[in-house]
Amino acid sequence: MTLTVRTIPADRHILFNASQPSVSFLQTPAWGQVKSEWRSESLGWFDEGDHLVGAGLVLYRQLPRVKKYLAYLPEGPTIDWDAEDIGAWLRPLAEHVRAAGAFGVRIGPPVMVRRWSADTIKAAIADERVPRLSEAMPDQVNHRTTHLRDTMRELGWRHPEDEEGFAVGQPRFVFQLPLAGRTAEELLAGMNQLWRRNIKKAAKLGVTVRQGGLEDLAAFHRVYEETAQRDQFTPRPLSYFQTMWTALRAEDPDRIRLYLAEHEGDLVAATTWVRVGQHAWYSYGASSTAKREVRGSNAVQWQMITDAVEARCTIYDLRGITEGLEADDPHLGLIQFKVGTGGEAVEYLGEWDLPLNPLLYKAFDVYMKRRG
């Protein structure tokens, strides 16, 4: 099979994504507008009959003072990852971005490697002999990924974590709640006792959840900044969320939603929800330090989950988790919060790099490490 790669217009890329059961929102043309500090390009893979059979969003980040770029396809591209000859898909990609001035290309194959159920994770947390999720026995394994990994290495691709290269952009481990064929009542029954109690408590105390608009982003951002200070992370500016809202909704009026949980007129939690096809993501979240006892975070999550069911989504994605399962791990509480939904941890193939100019690739690695 001979495939070619060339630039496609955004509207054709959008139509291709709409034909797929699931495509990451990071692989939509609109995401290129959100990441305004990167140059973006929609690419199409064409077969010998000139039919569009794959697509991807490429973000180009320039190397300082040199007109050379890192070509990045976060959580993509959307191609046939089960193909026996994956090189037929990846080689024309490398050729295209090299011609565009790329010194290296990074991709994030949306390929599942392993899954762990909520019960398996809880048992692993309780077992002192299992310090990391990857060391727990999975409930499901995709054995085809062994061949895919071997083939990619033969083609010159390398895993940044293996090579200790510059920071990986997207998480390899995520937490997802499968929705297909399940009612809201069944999903609630599948949650742990604490989640069910908190959802009921929020309702009893009068917490209400509504969808907001562009004008409500400032209120969301105030609580988000409060969350950043409490949890010690650097917040994004309000302008980022305004750009994200405008760009995603221009592509699809229901691509992004803002949820606001309120109690007696006070905003106690707020979140953003993103959807592409049958896949919905919990994107950003915030909660006030005051009134934590009214359980606004549980209420807003439950509203997003039930709305995802109503939208006929098959997956509600709570995004990244870390591997650490030991009692003193600072991120354990986040895993336990997500496990309470009754979902599952999913390991993806992770991000992979192909250095096209090894010298410049190394220089970019050094630059990224210095940035911290």
Protein backbone atom coordinates (compact mmCIF):
# COMPACT_ATOMS: atom_id res chain seq x y z
CA MET A 1 0.00 0.00 0.00
CA THR A 2 1.30 3.42 -0.98
CA LEU A 3 0.08 6.42 1.01
CA THR A 4 0.76 10.10 0.52
CA VAL A 5 0.43 12.96 2.99
CA ARG A 6 -0.51 16.52 2.13
CA THR A 7 -2.11 19.58 3.65
CA ILE A 8 -5.91 19.58 3.76
CA PRO A 9 -8.31 22.45 4.50
CA ALA A 10 -9.78 22.66 7.99
CA ASP A 11 -13.33 21.92 6.82
CA ARG A 12 -12.23 18.64 5.26
CA HIS A 13 -10.38 17.72 8.43
CA ILE A 14 -13.50 18.47 10.48
CA LEU A 15 -15.61 16.24 8.21
CA PHE A 16 -13.09 13.41 8.53
CA ASN A 17 -13.09 13.67 12.32
CA ALA A 18 -16.89 13.60 12.31
CA SER A 19 -16.77 10.25 10.47
CA GLN A 20 -14.74 8.64 13.26
CA PRO A 21 -16.17 7.19 16.50
CA SER A 22 -13.54 9.00 18.58
CA VAL A 23 -10.88 11.61 17.86
CA SER A 24 -9.00 13.56 20.52
CA PHE A 25 -10.04 17.21 20.79
CA LEU A 26 -6.30 17.92 20.54
CA GLN A 27 -6.56 16.65 16.96
CA THR A 28 -9.20 19.13 15.82
CA PRO A 29 -8.38 22.14 13.63
CA ALA A 30 -9.82 24.38 16.35
CA TRP A 31 -7.12 23.25 18.75
CA GLY A 32 -4.55 24.78 16.43
CA GLN A 33 -6.23 28.15 17.04
CA VAL A 34 -6.11 27.62 20.80
CA LYS A 35 -2.37 26.94 20.64
CA SER A 36 -1.63 30.27 18.99
CA GLU A 37 2.06 30.16 19.96
CA TRP A 38 2.43 27.19 17.59
CA ARG A 39 1.94 27.19 13.82
CA SER A 40 -0.71 24.61 12.89
CA GLU A 41 -1.49 22.51 9.84
CA SER A 42 -4.15 19.90 9.04
CA LEU A 43 -2.72 16.87 7.24
CA GLY A 44 -4.49 14.16 5.27
CA TRP A 45 -3.36 10.65 4.38
CA PHE A 46 -4.47 9.56 0.88
CA ASP A 47 -4.48 6.07 -0.60
CA GLU A 48 -3.70 5.12 -4.20
CA GLY A 49 -7.25 6.05 -5.22
CA ASP A 50 -6.77 9.51 -3.66
CA HIS A 51 -9.28 8.76 -0.91
CA LEU A 52 -8.78 10.47 2.45
CA VAL A 53 -8.04 7.62 4.89
CA GLY A 54 -6.34 9.43 7.79
CA ALA A 55 -5.88 12.90 9.26
CA GLY A 56 -3.91 14.77 11.86
CA LEU A 57 -3.31 18.20 13.34
CA VAL A 58 0.36 19.19 13.39
CA LEU A 59 1.61 21.93 15.70
CA TYR A 60 4.99 23.43 14.80
CA ARG A 61 7.10 24.90 17.64
CA GLN A 62 10.10 26.91 16.43
CA LEU A 63 13.59 26.38 17.81
CA PRO A 64 14.88 29.71 19.24
CA ARG A 65 16.73 31.82 16.69
CA VAL A 66 16.57 29.10 14.03
CA LYS A 67 13.83 28.55 11.44
CA LYS A 68 13.50 24.90 12.33
CA TYR A 69 10.56 23.31 14.11
CA LEU A 70 9.38 20.48 16.30
CA ALA A 71 6.33 18.98 14.59
CA TYR A 72 3.91 17.78 17.26
CA LEU A 73 0.71 15.73 16.81
CA PRO A 74 -0.79 15.49 20.33
CA GLU A 75 -2.85 12.32 20.81
CA GLY A 76 -2.64 11.67 17.09
CA PRO A 77 -2.62 11.23 14.19
CA THR A 78 -5.90 9.48 13.40
CA ILE A 79 -4.68 6.66 11.17
CA ASP A 80 -4.96 2.87 11.01
CA TRP A 81 -2.77 1.98 13.98
CA ASP A 82 -3.65 -1.71 13.48
CA ALA A 83 -2.04 -1.72 10.03
CA GLU A 84 0.52 -4.47 9.55
CA ASP A 85 2.91 -1.98 7.93
CA ILE A 86 2.69 1.11 10.14
CA GLY A 87 5.74 2.45 8.33
CA ALA A 88 3.58 3.04 5.26
CA TRP A 89 1.68 5.57 7.38
CA LEU A 90 4.56 7.13 9.33
CA ARG A 91 7.18 7.52 6.60
CA PRO A 92 5.18 10.01 4.48
CA LEU A 93 4.39 11.97 7.64
CA ALA A 94 8.11 12.30 8.39
CA GLU A 95 8.83 13.31 4.79
CA HIS A 96 6.13 15.98 4.85
CA VAL A 97 7.17 17.67 8.10
CA ARG A 98 10.86 17.47 7.15
CA ALA A 99 10.01 19.43 3.98
CA ALA A 100 8.16 21.92 6.21
CA GLY A 101 11.36 22.56 8.18
CA ALA A 102 10.93 20.13 11.08
CA PHE A 103 14.03 18.87 12.90
CA GLY A 104 11.93 16.26 14.69
CA VAL A 105 8.40 14.98 15.00
CA ARG A 106 6.48 13.86 18.07
CA ILE A 107 3.28 11.84 17.93
CA GLY A 108 0.89 10.40 20.52
CA PRO A 109 -0.63 7.21 19.12
CA PRO A 110 -4.20 6.86 20.49
CA VAL A 111 -3.60 3.14 21.08
CA MET A 112 -4.68 1.41 24.28
CA VAL A 113 -2.05 -0.85 25.87
CA ARG A 114 -3.59 -1.96 29.21
CA ARG A 115 -6.64 -1.39 31.39
CA TRP A 116 -7.19 -1.70 35.14
CA SER A 117 -10.66 -1.80 36.73
CA ALA A 118 -11.55 0.28 39.78
CA ASP A 119 -11.50 -2.84 41.98
CA THR A 120 -8.05 -3.82 40.71
CA ILE A 121 -6.70 -0.32 41.42
CA LYS A 122 -8.18 -0.27 44.93
CA ALA A 123 -6.60 -3.65 45.67
CA ALA A 124 -3.24 -2.41 44.34
CA ILE A 125 -3.39 0.72 46.53
CA ALA A 126 -3.99 -1.50 49.56
CA ASP A 127 -1.07 -3.78 48.64
CA GLU A 128 2.28 -2.36 49.81
CA ARG A 129 4.05 -4.60 47.29
CA VAL A 130 2.55 -2.61 44.39
CA PRO A 131 4.06 0.90 44.39
CA ARG A 132 3.08 1.79 40.81
CA LEU A 133 0.06 1.18 38.62
CA SER A 134 2.20 -0.38 35.87
CA GLU A 135 3.24 -3.09 38.35
CA ALA A 136 -0.37 -4.13 39.07
CA MET A 137 -1.84 -7.02 37.07
CA PRO A 138 -4.07 -5.45 34.38
CA ASP A 139 -7.58 -6.61 33.57
CA GLN A 140 -7.01 -6.24 29.84
CA VAL A 141 -3.91 -6.23 27.65
CA ASN A 142 -3.62 -5.25 23.99
CA HIS A 143 -0.94 -7.67 22.80
CA ARG A 144 -0.73 -6.04 19.36
CA THR A 145 1.12 -3.11 20.87
CA THR A 146 4.26 -5.24 21.30
CA HIS A 147 4.59 -5.53 17.53
CA LEU A 148 3.75 -1.82 17.10
CA ARG A 149 6.43 -0.75 19.59
CA ASP A 150 9.05 -2.99 17.97
CA THR A 151 8.22 -1.72 14.49
CA MET A 152 8.35 1.93 15.54
CA ARG A 153 11.77 1.45 17.12
CA GLU A 154 12.99 -0.22 13.92
CA LEU A 155 11.77 2.84 12.02
CA GLY A 156 13.87 5.11 14.25
CA TRP A 157 11.16 6.31 16.63
CA ARG A 158 12.05 6.57 20.32
CA HIS A 159 10.02 6.85 23.50
CA PRO A 160 10.99 10.12 25.30
CA GLU A 161 10.65 8.50 28.73
CA ASP A 162 12.99 5.71 27.72
CA GLU A 163 15.49 8.22 26.33
CA GLU A 164 15.00 10.75 29.15
CA GLY A 165 14.27 13.37 26.49
CA PHE A 166 12.42 16.66 26.94
CA ALA A 167 9.16 16.65 28.85
CA VAL A 168 6.33 14.46 27.61
CA GLY A 169 3.36 16.62 26.70
CA GLN A 170 0.32 14.39 27.23
CA PRO A 171 -0.27 11.77 29.94
CA ARG A 172 0.29 8.09 29.16
CA PHE A 173 -2.15 7.01 31.89
CA VAL A 174 -5.70 8.35 31.96
CA PHE A 175 -8.89 7.50 33.82
CA GLN A 176 -12.07 6.80 31.88
CA LEU A 177 -15.65 5.92 32.74
CA PRO A 178 -17.21 3.62 30.10
CA LEU A 179 -20.77 4.74 29.30
CA ALA A 180 -21.88 2.51 26.40
CA GLY A 181 -25.11 0.65 27.18
CA ARG A 182 -25.32 2.02 30.74
CA THR A 183 -28.02 4.21 32.24
CA ALA A 184 -27.39 7.03 34.69
CA GLU A 185 -28.87 4.86 37.43
CA GLU A 186 -26.43 2.04 36.62
CA LEU A 187 -23.49 4.45 36.59
CA LEU A 188 -24.49 5.85 39.99
CA ALA A 189 -24.78 2.32 41.38
CA GLY A 190 -21.27 1.58 40.07
CA MET A 191 -19.73 4.44 42.06
CA ASN A 192 -18.31 3.91 45.51
CA GLN A 193 -20.27 4.75 48.62
CA LEU A 194 -18.49 8.07 49.17
CA TRP A 195 -19.30 9.34 45.67
CA ARG A 196 -22.96 8.32 45.96
CA ARG A 197 -23.20 9.94 49.40
CA ASN A 198 -21.58 13.18 48.21
CA ILE A 199 -23.82 13.45 45.14
CA LYS A 200 -26.89 12.98 47.31
CA LYS A 201 -25.55 15.39 49.94
CA ALA A 202 -24.98 18.13 47.35
CA ALA A 203 -28.53 17.77 46.08
CA LYS A 204 -29.96 17.76 49.62
CA LEU A 205 -28.05 20.92 50.55
CA GLY A 206 -29.36 22.73 47.49
CA VAL A 207 -26.33 22.75 45.18
CA THR A 208 -27.46 23.50 41.63
CA VAL A 209 -25.48 23.00 38.45
CA ARG A 210 -26.02 25.05 35.33
CA GLN A 211 -24.28 25.55 32.01
CA GLY A 212 -22.63 28.91 31.54
CA GLY A 213 -21.54 31.01 28.59
CA LEU A 214 -18.60 33.14 27.56
CA GLU A 215 -19.65 35.78 30.08
CA ASP A 216 -19.27 33.24 32.93
CA LEU A 217 -15.64 32.38 32.18
CA ALA A 218 -14.40 35.20 34.42
CA ALA A 219 -16.23 33.68 37.41
CA PHE A 220 -14.84 30.25 36.54
CA HIS A 221 -11.36 31.75 36.29
CA ARG A 222 -11.53 33.36 39.75
CA VAL A 223 -12.21 29.98 41.33
CA TYR A 224 -9.63 28.35 39.06
CA GLU A 225 -6.96 30.79 40.29
CA GLU A 226 -7.98 30.00 43.86
CA THR A 227 -7.56 26.30 43.09
CA ALA A 228 -4.15 26.93 41.54
CA GLN A 229 -2.94 28.74 44.63
CA ARG A 230 -4.26 26.01 46.93
CA ASP A 231 -2.88 23.12 44.85
CA GLN A 232 0.32 24.94 43.88
CA PHE A 233 0.22 24.93 40.10
CA THR A 234 0.62 27.77 37.62
CA PRO A 235 -2.80 28.82 36.27
CA ARG A 236 -3.52 29.70 32.67
CA PRO A 237 -4.74 33.27 32.03
CA LEU A 238 -8.39 34.06 31.46
CA SER A 239 -7.58 34.91 27.83
CA TYR A 240 -6.57 31.28 27.23
CA PHE A 241 -10.01 30.02 28.22
CA GLN A 242 -11.75 32.74 26.22
CA THR A 243 -9.76 31.72 23.13
CA MET A 244 -10.46 28.05 23.79
CA TRP A 245 -14.20 28.72 24.17
CA THR A 246 -14.44 30.82 21.01
CA ALA A 247 -12.33 28.53 18.81
CA LEU A 248 -13.93 25.23 19.85
CA ARG A 249 -17.50 26.51 19.64
CA ALA A 250 -16.85 28.02 16.21
CA GLU A 251 -15.96 24.52 15.01
CA ASP A 252 -18.97 22.90 16.72
CA PRO A 253 -21.51 24.74 18.94
CA ASP A 254 -21.42 21.81 21.39
CA ARG A 255 -17.66 21.16 21.31
CA ILE A 256 -17.14 22.76 24.75
CA ARG A 257 -19.40 23.47 27.71
CA LEU A 258 -18.89 25.36 30.96
CA TYR A 259 -20.53 23.98 34.11
CA LEU A 260 -21.07 26.03 37.26
CA ALA A 261 -22.05 24.49 40.61
CA GLU A 262 -23.63 27.06 42.93
CA HIS A 263 -24.86 27.06 46.51
CA GLU A 264 -27.03 29.89 47.80
CA GLY A 265 -25.62 32.23 45.17
CA ASP A 266 -21.98 31.25 45.71
CA LEU A 267 -19.91 29.55 42.99
CA VAL A 268 -18.43 26.48 44.68
CA ALA A 269 -17.11 24.50 41.68
CA ALA A 270 -16.76 24.95 37.93
CA THR A 271 -15.54 22.76 35.09
CA THR A 272 -15.12 22.64 31.33
CA TRP A 273 -16.44 19.69 29.30
CA VAL A 274 -15.26 18.94 25.78
CA ARG A 275 -16.80 16.49 23.31
CA VAL A 276 -15.81 15.08 19.93
CA GLY A 277 -18.22 12.46 18.62
CA GLN A 278 -18.81 9.77 21.24
CA HIS A 279 -15.98 10.84 23.54
CA ALA A 280 -16.44 13.48 26.27
CA TRP A 281 -13.63 14.88 28.42
CA TYR A 282 -13.49 16.59 31.78
CA SER A 283 -11.01 19.24 30.71
CA TYR A 284 -10.44 21.83 33.47
CA GLY A 285 -11.80 21.95 36.99
CA ALA A 286 -11.91 24.43 39.86
CA SER A 287 -13.40 24.49 43.35
CA SER A 288 -13.61 27.09 46.07
CA THR A 289 -11.88 26.61 49.41
CA ALA A 290 -15.02 27.77 51.18
CA LYS A 291 -18.06 25.49 51.36
CA ARG A 292 -16.12 22.34 50.50
CA GLU A 293 -18.66 20.47 52.65
CA VAL A 294 -21.50 21.05 50.14
CA ARG A 295 -19.67 18.76 47.65
CA GLY A 296 -19.93 20.96 44.59
CA SER A 297 -17.15 19.05 42.80
CA ASN A 298 -19.11 15.79 42.98
CA ALA A 299 -22.30 17.54 41.88
CA VAL A 300 -20.70 19.12 38.81
CA GLN A 301 -18.99 15.86 37.82
CA TRP A 302 -22.26 13.96 38.10
CA GLN A 303 -23.99 16.53 35.89
CA MET A 304 -21.28 16.20 33.24
CA ILE A 305 -21.49 12.40 33.36
CA THR A 306 -25.27 12.34 32.96
CA ASP A 307 -25.06 14.90 30.15
CA ALA A 308 -22.46 12.72 28.41
CA VAL A 309 -24.93 9.81 28.61
CA GLU A 310 -27.65 12.02 27.15
CA ALA A 311 -25.27 13.04 24.34
CA ARG A 312 -24.82 9.29 23.56
CA CYS A 313 -21.15 9.29 24.42
CA THR A 314 -19.46 5.95 25.01
CA ILE A 315 -16.61 7.33 27.15
CA TYR A 316 -16.41 9.99 29.84
CA ASP A 317 -12.73 10.82 30.17
CA LEU A 318 -11.33 12.25 33.40
CA ARG A 319 -7.92 12.71 31.73
CA GLY A 320 -4.51 12.09 33.25
CA ILE A 321 -3.43 10.23 36.34
CA THR A 322 0.04 9.40 37.65
CA GLU A 323 1.32 5.92 38.40
CA GLY A 324 2.21 6.25 42.09
CA LEU A 325 0.04 4.16 44.44
CA GLU A 326 2.00 4.46 47.68
CA ALA A 327 0.39 6.11 50.69
CA ASP A 328 2.80 9.05 50.68
CA ASP A 329 2.47 9.78 46.97
CA PRO A 330 1.21 13.39 46.60
CA HIS A 331 -1.03 12.45 43.65
CA LEU A 332 -2.70 9.44 45.26
CA GLY A 333 -5.73 11.48 46.34
CA LEU A 334 -6.47 12.40 42.71
CA ILE A 335 -6.39 8.75 41.67
CA GLN A 336 -8.68 7.79 44.54
CA PHE A 337 -11.12 10.58 43.62
CA LYS A 338 -11.35 9.29 40.05
CA VAL A 339 -11.46 5.62 41.07
CA GLY A 340 -14.57 6.45 43.08
CA THR A 341 -16.50 6.90 39.83
CA GLY A 342 -16.20 3.15 39.19
CA GLY A 343 -14.30 3.64 35.93
CA GLU A 344 -10.97 2.26 34.78
CA ALA A 345 -7.37 3.34 34.33
CA VAL A 346 -6.13 3.14 30.74
CA GLU A 347 -2.53 3.11 29.58
CA TYR A 348 -1.85 4.42 26.10
CA LEU A 349 1.23 3.85 23.98
CA GLY A 350 2.59 7.23 25.04
CA GLU A 351 4.39 9.85 23.03
CA TRP A 352 7.12 8.96 20.53
CA ASP A 353 9.79 11.06 18.81
CA LEU A 354 11.53 10.76 15.48
CA PRO A 355 14.66 12.97 15.32
CA LEU A 356 15.02 14.19 11.73
CA ASN A 357 18.07 16.33 12.55
CA PRO A 358 19.75 14.73 15.60
CA LEU A 359 21.89 17.78 16.38
CA LEU A 360 18.97 20.22 16.43
CA TYR A 361 16.82 17.69 18.24
CA LYS A 362 19.44 17.52 21.01
CA ALA A 363 19.64 21.32 21.12
CA PHE A 364 15.86 21.54 21.58
CA ASP A 365 16.08 18.91 24.32
CA VAL A 366 18.64 21.06 26.17
CA TYR A 367 16.48 24.19 25.65
CA MET A 368 13.37 22.51 27.09
CA LYS A 369 15.26 21.19 30.12
CA ARG A 370 16.62 24.65 30.89
CA ARG A 371 13.10 26.01 30.79
CA GLY A 372 12.33 23.57 33.61
